[in-house]
Structures are given as structure tokens and as C-alpha cells.
Amino acid sequence: MMAHSPGDTAFLPSLPQLLIDDAVRAALREDLGRAGDITTNATIAEDAKATAILSSREMGTVCGTGFARAAFALIDPALKFEALVRDGEKVSPGEKLARVTGNARAILSAERVALNYMMHLSGIATYTARFVDLVNETKARVCDTRKTIPGMRAFAKYAVKCGGGANHRFGLDDAILIKDNHIAVAGGVTNAIEAARAYAGHLVKIEIEVDGLAQFEEALAAKADVILLDNMGPELLEKAVGINAGRAILEASGGIGFDTIKAVAQTGVDYISTSKITMAAPTLDIGLDIEIA
């Protein structure tokens, strides 16, 4: 079953195929280099056929099957790729994730690129799901940040969604997030919010980061849409939630890990953002084995 959090609709996360194809094509070019797969070409007959199974070596949440499909299709459109699970499904050690049938050279040449994407994205989805599971009895939603590997942001955020998490802004252009340095240069919380509101269109949300209750109350008075409570402990967060009384969306952030996220969620904040789900997630161990008849 697809990983989910409270508030999710029945619609599954998705990515434009064009983005996947462009990324996978570049990765294949990098791997094939100037002469192609000389190991496979030297050891496998040109017309050899094979069936390969992609399987998980450990428990986790799958993500990236579309990238694997694209890797095999771009190497050889005649390869038959059959996904046995959907992105977002939880799997057990040894569970089969996909089957590929066709030209053996093509399968082996696409193997590493397919696995690299699946292992990395499944790792993010699995790590996210661990955080989500810890707060599933609260209203808080776990969300990501802009701390992603360059060139991988859309894919990492897709993996977060597959793990049951929520997405924060995708870049500098889709929401205003006023941070401490903006406040310092702008001359204070109120000045920054008022300047942002005068600049932004009516569809652009304004969020501001605060580090104490004084700044928090000033942000509330200036009618920020979202207030990021940075590096505040549970006691201070709970006070902020009480003062807020539902006026602004509250987001907690700063050094949040598996050992602290539940206490943070229980304070009543709406969102908990952490860069760990995209920057600290270990890969999920996935392998490809040729099926021997």
C-alpha cells in the first residue's frame, strides 16, 4: 500500500516523464562514456537474451521505478520492463520490485543507472516514512527543505511524497521565506513582512523565520501567512501554539531527528521541516540478478 499521511488525497505523486528521461539520458551518457560498455560487449554475445529481477535487499519504501524503466527503455526500446510494485509501497527483504526481459547486453549496460536512481530515491522515501510514522498520531506533517543534491531537487521531493511526507517550496521563486539574514538587512520582522507583502502577488504565501516569542508575536501582528519556529524546544513551541490560536500556519524546524520529532509534533505545530530526509537518508539496498532458468 502507498505510504501516506493525514490529509493526503487518493492521488499518487507523479513526475513529468520528460524530466525523468532527460535526467536518465544524461546519466547513461556519463556511464557509457566514449566507447560504451566494453565489459559487457567483450563477454556477452550480441544476440544473447536474459531476464533480470530487481529486488530489495532490505525493508523499505520503494521509489524510482519510473527511472529504472526509462534507463532500460533508453538503452533498448525493445526491452520489456514490468514493475511489480508501485512507488510508495513498503517492501520486505527479498521482495521482487521489477522484471526486465530482452537483450542481455542492454540489460547489463542500463543496470547501474537504473539501480542508482532507485536506491537513492527509495532511501529518501524510506527515511521520510520513518519520520512520518513517528508523528502519525498527531496533526503535524513532515516536510522537506531546499537542501537537496543540485539537479536532483524535483526527484528528491517526489521521493519525500512517496514516503508520506509533504513538500516545502521547490525554489526561490514559488514562495517567500524571510530568514534571519533577510530580517537583519530589512531592519526587523515587521519591515520585512510589509515589504514582502507589497512586492508579492496575491497568490504568493509569505513565511518568516523567528527564533523567539518576541519575534513570533511581531510576525503574528504583521499577519505572516506561515511562521517558522526555528530551533525552539517543545516547551517554547507549545507556548507559541497557544499564543497563535490558529491565526498562522506554524512550522517547526532545526536539528529535528528521530529522537525529538514526536515531542515536537505533540506541541500542536502544523508542519515539521527537516533536511535530514533528503540529505542524510542512506540508500536502500536494491540488487539486480539475472534469472537462471
Protein backbone atom coordinates (compact mmCIF):
# COMPACT_ATOMS: atom_id res chain seq x y z
CA MET A 1 0.00 0.00 0.00
CA MET A 2 1.12 3.53 -0.77
CA ALA A 3 2.71 5.37 2.18
CA HIS A 4 0.55 8.28 3.29
CA SER A 5 -0.07 10.89 5.94
CA PRO A 6 -3.20 12.55 7.27
CA GLY A 7 -4.57 14.95 4.68
CA ASP A 8 -3.31 13.05 1.64
CA THR A 9 -5.76 12.60 -1.21
CA ALA A 10 -6.15 9.41 -3.19
CA PHE A 11 -3.96 10.82 -5.96
CA LEU A 12 -0.45 9.42 -6.13
CA PRO A 13 2.58 11.70 -6.59
CA SER A 14 3.92 11.86 -10.13
CA LEU A 15 6.72 13.39 -12.18
CA PRO A 16 6.70 14.62 -15.80
CA GLN A 17 8.19 11.89 -18.00
CA LEU A 18 10.29 14.50 -19.80
CA LEU A 19 12.18 15.31 -16.58
CA ILE A 20 12.86 11.64 -15.93
CA ASP A 21 14.01 10.95 -19.49
CA ASP A 22 16.34 13.96 -19.60
CA ALA A 23 17.99 13.03 -16.29
CA VAL A 24 18.33 9.34 -17.13
CA ARG A 25 19.68 10.08 -20.60
CA ALA A 26 22.41 12.28 -19.09
CA ALA A 27 23.26 9.59 -16.55
CA LEU A 28 23.54 6.94 -19.26
CA ARG A 29 25.82 9.20 -21.32
CA GLU A 30 28.02 9.67 -18.26
CA ASP A 31 28.22 5.93 -17.63
CA LEU A 32 28.68 4.80 -21.24
CA GLY A 33 31.43 7.34 -21.84
CA ARG A 34 33.25 7.31 -25.17
CA ALA A 35 33.23 3.60 -26.00
CA GLY A 36 30.15 2.12 -24.36
CA ASP A 37 30.06 -0.86 -22.02
CA ILE A 38 33.27 -2.58 -23.05
CA THR A 39 33.00 -5.25 -20.34
CA THR A 40 29.57 -6.43 -21.48
CA ASN A 41 30.44 -6.12 -25.15
CA ALA A 42 33.58 -8.19 -24.61
CA THR A 43 31.89 -11.02 -22.71
CA ILE A 44 28.27 -11.28 -23.89
CA ALA A 45 27.11 -12.29 -27.37
CA GLU A 46 25.34 -9.53 -29.28
CA ASP A 47 22.11 -11.53 -29.61
CA ALA A 48 22.08 -13.08 -26.10
CA LYS A 49 18.77 -12.85 -24.24
CA ALA A 50 18.20 -12.66 -20.49
CA THR A 51 15.66 -11.98 -17.77
CA ALA A 52 16.71 -9.90 -14.79
CA ILE A 53 14.99 -9.34 -11.46
CA LEU A 54 15.35 -6.16 -9.41
CA SER A 55 14.76 -6.93 -5.74
CA SER A 56 15.09 -5.23 -2.38
CA ARG A 57 17.78 -6.49 -0.02
CA GLU A 58 16.15 -4.81 2.98
CA MET A 59 12.89 -3.42 4.29
CA GLY A 60 11.94 -0.02 2.95
CA THR A 61 9.70 2.17 0.80
CA VAL A 62 10.17 1.94 -2.95
CA CYS A 63 10.70 4.95 -5.19
CA GLY A 64 12.18 5.41 -8.65
CA THR A 65 10.64 2.60 -10.69
CA GLY A 66 9.96 5.12 -13.46
CA PHE A 67 13.67 5.97 -13.60
CA ALA A 68 14.58 2.30 -13.91
CA ARG A 69 12.01 1.84 -16.66
CA ALA A 70 13.45 4.83 -18.52
CA ALA A 71 17.04 3.58 -18.18
CA PHE A 72 16.24 0.25 -19.81
CA ALA A 73 13.98 1.81 -22.47
CA LEU A 74 16.54 4.42 -23.49
CA ILE A 75 19.24 1.77 -23.86
CA ASP A 76 16.95 -0.53 -25.85
CA PRO A 77 13.27 0.25 -26.51
CA ALA A 78 12.69 -3.45 -27.20
CA LEU A 79 13.38 -4.42 -23.58
CA LYS A 80 10.28 -5.43 -21.65
CA PHE A 81 10.13 -3.81 -18.20
CA GLU A 82 7.49 -4.97 -15.74
CA ALA A 83 7.13 -3.11 -12.45
CA LEU A 84 5.98 -5.48 -9.71
CA VAL A 85 5.41 -2.75 -7.10
CA ARG A 86 4.39 0.91 -7.23
CA ASP A 87 6.39 3.83 -5.94
CA GLY A 88 5.41 4.44 -2.32
CA GLU A 89 4.84 0.78 -1.46
CA LYS A 90 6.61 -0.73 1.54
CA VAL A 91 8.62 -3.84 0.72
CA SER A 92 10.38 -6.61 2.61
CA PRO A 93 13.87 -8.07 2.17
CA GLY A 94 13.99 -10.28 -0.90
CA GLU A 95 10.82 -8.84 -2.43
CA LYS A 96 10.86 -8.54 -6.22
CA LEU A 97 10.42 -4.99 -7.47
CA ALA A 98 10.64 -5.35 -11.26
CA ARG A 99 11.43 -7.79 -14.06
CA VAL A 100 13.33 -6.92 -17.26
CA THR A 101 13.43 -9.23 -20.28
CA GLY A 102 15.26 -8.90 -23.59
CA ASN A 103 18.74 -8.29 -24.93
CA ALA A 104 21.31 -9.23 -22.26
CA ARG A 105 23.81 -6.55 -23.29
CA ALA A 106 21.20 -3.82 -22.97
CA ILE A 107 20.07 -5.03 -19.56
CA LEU A 108 23.59 -5.10 -18.16
CA SER A 109 24.52 -1.72 -19.65
CA ALA A 110 21.50 0.02 -18.09
CA GLU A 111 21.75 -1.80 -14.74
CA ARG A 112 23.82 0.69 -12.75
CA VAL A 113 21.92 3.81 -13.78
CA ALA A 114 18.59 2.12 -13.03
CA LEU A 115 19.79 0.95 -9.62
CA ASN A 116 21.45 4.25 -8.72
CA TYR A 117 18.20 6.15 -9.11
CA MET A 118 16.09 3.53 -7.38
CA MET A 119 18.47 3.10 -4.43
CA HIS A 120 18.86 6.84 -3.85
CA LEU A 121 15.18 7.74 -4.19
CA SER A 122 13.99 4.69 -2.26
CA GLY A 123 16.40 5.68 0.51
CA ILE A 124 14.78 9.12 0.77
CA ALA A 125 11.28 7.63 0.69
CA THR A 126 12.21 5.08 3.36
CA TYR A 127 13.80 7.69 5.64
CA THR A 128 10.83 10.00 5.21
CA ALA A 129 8.43 7.20 6.08
CA ARG A 130 10.32 6.60 9.32
CA PHE A 131 9.81 10.23 10.35
CA VAL A 132 6.17 10.16 9.25
CA ASP A 133 5.44 7.02 11.26
CA LEU A 134 6.67 8.76 14.41
CA VAL A 135 4.12 11.58 14.13
CA ASN A 136 1.15 9.73 12.65
CA GLU A 137 -0.92 10.19 15.80
CA THR A 138 -0.60 13.99 15.63
CA LYS A 139 -1.76 16.58 13.10
CA ALA A 140 1.82 17.54 12.20
CA ARG A 141 3.10 16.83 8.71
CA VAL A 142 6.75 16.14 7.91
CA CYS A 143 8.14 18.24 5.07
CA ASP A 144 11.41 18.68 3.25
CA THR A 145 13.61 21.74 2.60
CA ARG A 146 15.70 23.14 -0.28
CA LYS A 147 18.72 21.20 1.00
CA THR A 148 18.96 18.73 -1.86
CA ILE A 149 21.70 17.49 -4.18
CA PRO A 150 21.94 20.03 -7.06
CA GLY A 151 19.99 18.84 -10.08
CA MET A 152 18.02 16.30 -8.02
CA ARG A 153 15.52 18.55 -6.20
CA ALA A 154 12.36 17.60 -8.08
CA PHE A 155 13.24 13.93 -7.76
CA ALA A 156 14.13 14.11 -4.06
CA LYS A 157 10.88 15.94 -3.33
CA TYR A 158 8.97 13.32 -5.30
CA ALA A 159 10.60 10.66 -3.11
CA VAL A 160 9.55 12.58 0.01
CA LYS A 161 5.95 12.46 -1.21
CA CYS A 162 6.28 8.74 -1.89
CA GLY A 163 7.39 8.32 1.73
CA GLY A 164 4.30 10.10 3.00
CA GLY A 165 5.90 13.50 3.56
CA ALA A 166 4.95 16.94 2.27
CA ASN A 167 6.89 19.34 0.07
CA HIS A 168 8.11 22.76 1.17
CA ARG A 169 8.91 25.30 -1.54
CA PHE A 170 10.76 23.97 -4.60
CA GLY A 171 12.95 27.01 -5.12
CA LEU A 172 13.40 30.71 -4.52
CA ASP A 173 10.57 31.59 -6.89
CA ASP A 174 7.45 29.80 -5.60
CA ALA A 175 7.09 31.21 -2.07
CA ILE A 176 8.62 33.93 0.11
CA LEU A 177 10.61 32.67 3.09
CA ILE A 178 12.09 35.51 5.11
CA LYS A 179 15.05 34.20 7.11
CA ASP A 180 17.20 35.76 9.83
CA ASN A 181 19.59 37.41 7.39
CA HIS A 182 16.70 38.98 5.46
CA ILE A 183 15.30 40.32 8.74
CA ALA A 184 18.69 41.77 9.72
CA VAL A 185 19.13 43.63 6.43
CA ALA A 186 15.47 44.69 6.15
CA GLY A 187 15.53 46.25 9.61
CA GLY A 188 13.23 43.93 11.50
CA VAL A 189 10.38 41.46 11.28
CA THR A 190 7.62 43.97 10.54
CA ASN A 191 9.62 45.81 7.90
CA ALA A 192 10.46 42.55 6.14
CA ILE A 193 6.87 41.27 6.10
CA GLU A 194 5.41 44.58 4.94
CA ALA A 195 7.99 44.86 2.16
CA ALA A 196 7.31 41.27 1.08
CA ARG A 197 3.55 41.83 1.01
CA ALA A 198 3.96 44.97 -1.10
CA TYR A 199 6.14 43.05 -3.56
CA ALA A 200 4.37 39.69 -3.79
CA GLY A 201 1.39 38.74 -5.89
CA HIS A 202 -1.82 37.75 -4.13
CA LEU A 203 -1.14 34.04 -4.67
CA VAL A 204 2.33 34.07 -3.08
CA LYS A 205 2.49 32.94 0.55
CA ILE A 206 4.74 34.80 2.97
CA GLU A 207 6.62 32.80 5.59
CA ILE A 208 9.04 34.21 8.13
CA GLU A 209 11.58 32.51 10.37
CA VAL A 210 11.65 33.57 14.04
CA ASP A 211 13.88 32.46 16.90
CA GLY A 212 11.92 33.59 19.95
CA LEU A 213 8.50 34.59 21.24
CA ALA A 214 9.12 38.34 20.81
CA GLN A 215 9.79 37.94 17.08
CA PHE A 216 6.92 35.43 16.89
CA GLU A 217 4.37 37.88 18.30
CA GLU A 218 5.65 40.61 15.97
CA ALA A 219 5.23 38.24 12.98
CA LEU A 220 1.68 37.46 14.10
CA ALA A 221 0.83 41.15 14.39
CA ALA A 222 2.20 41.71 10.87
CA LYS A 223 -0.04 38.87 9.63
CA ALA A 224 2.54 36.47 8.20
CA ASP A 225 0.87 33.50 6.47
CA VAL A 226 3.32 30.97 7.88
CA ILE A 227 5.75 31.30 10.77
CA LEU A 228 8.81 29.08 11.02
CA LEU A 229 9.79 28.46 14.64
CA ASP A 230 13.50 27.86 14.40
CA ASN A 231 15.41 25.78 16.96
CA MET A 232 12.75 26.06 19.65
CA GLY A 233 12.30 23.30 22.21
CA PRO A 234 8.92 21.65 22.86
CA GLU A 235 8.08 23.95 25.79
CA LEU A 236 8.58 27.11 23.74
CA LEU A 237 6.79 25.59 20.76
CA GLU A 238 3.79 24.79 22.93
CA LYS A 239 3.65 28.39 24.15
CA ALA A 240 3.78 29.63 20.56
CA VAL A 241 0.94 27.31 19.55
CA GLY A 242 -1.17 28.69 22.41
CA ILE A 243 -0.44 32.31 21.51
CA ASN A 244 -1.10 31.64 17.84
CA ALA A 245 -4.65 30.32 18.41
CA GLY A 246 -4.86 29.18 14.79
CA ARG A 247 -4.02 32.54 13.20
CA ALA A 248 -0.97 31.45 11.20
CA ILE A 249 0.35 28.13 9.96
CA LEU A 250 3.19 27.06 12.26
CA GLU A 251 6.28 25.19 11.12
CA ALA A 252 8.96 23.84 13.45
CA SER A 253 12.50 23.33 12.22
CA GLY A 254 16.08 22.99 13.36
CA GLY A 255 18.03 19.88 14.35
CA ILE A 256 15.00 17.59 14.43
CA GLY A 257 15.74 13.86 14.44
CA PHE A 258 14.07 10.55 15.17
CA ASP A 259 14.58 11.10 18.89
CA THR A 260 12.93 14.53 19.04
CA ILE A 261 10.29 14.71 16.30
CA LYS A 262 7.46 13.12 18.28
CA ALA A 263 7.79 15.61 21.14
CA VAL A 264 7.84 18.46 18.62
CA ALA A 265 4.73 17.13 16.87
CA GLN A 266 2.85 16.80 20.14
CA THR A 267 3.13 20.57 20.74
CA GLY A 268 0.48 21.15 18.07
CA VAL A 269 2.56 22.65 15.25
CA ASP A 270 1.24 22.13 11.72
CA TYR A 271 4.47 21.22 9.92
CA ILE A 272 7.91 19.94 10.85
CA SER A 273 10.63 20.54 8.27
CA THR A 274 13.91 18.67 8.27
CA SER A 275 16.77 18.49 5.78
CA LYS A 276 17.66 15.05 7.08
CA ILE A 277 15.10 13.30 4.88
CA THR A 278 16.88 14.47 1.72
CA MET A 279 20.48 14.96 2.90
CA ALA A 280 21.05 12.21 5.46
CA ALA A 281 18.99 9.33 4.09
CA PRO A 282 21.03 6.18 3.41
CA THR A 283 20.33 4.40 0.14
CA LEU A 284 18.02 1.40 0.10
CA ASP A 285 19.93 -1.73 -0.91
CA ILE A 286 18.47 -2.93 -4.20
CA GLY A 287 20.07 -5.51 -6.49
CA LEU A 288 19.67 -6.84 -10.00
CA ASP A 289 20.16 -10.55 -10.62
CA ILE A 290 19.95 -12.50 -13.86
CA GLU A 291 17.25 -15.13 -13.58
CA ILE A 292 18.77 -18.52 -14.31
CA ALA A 293 16.33 -20.97 -15.93
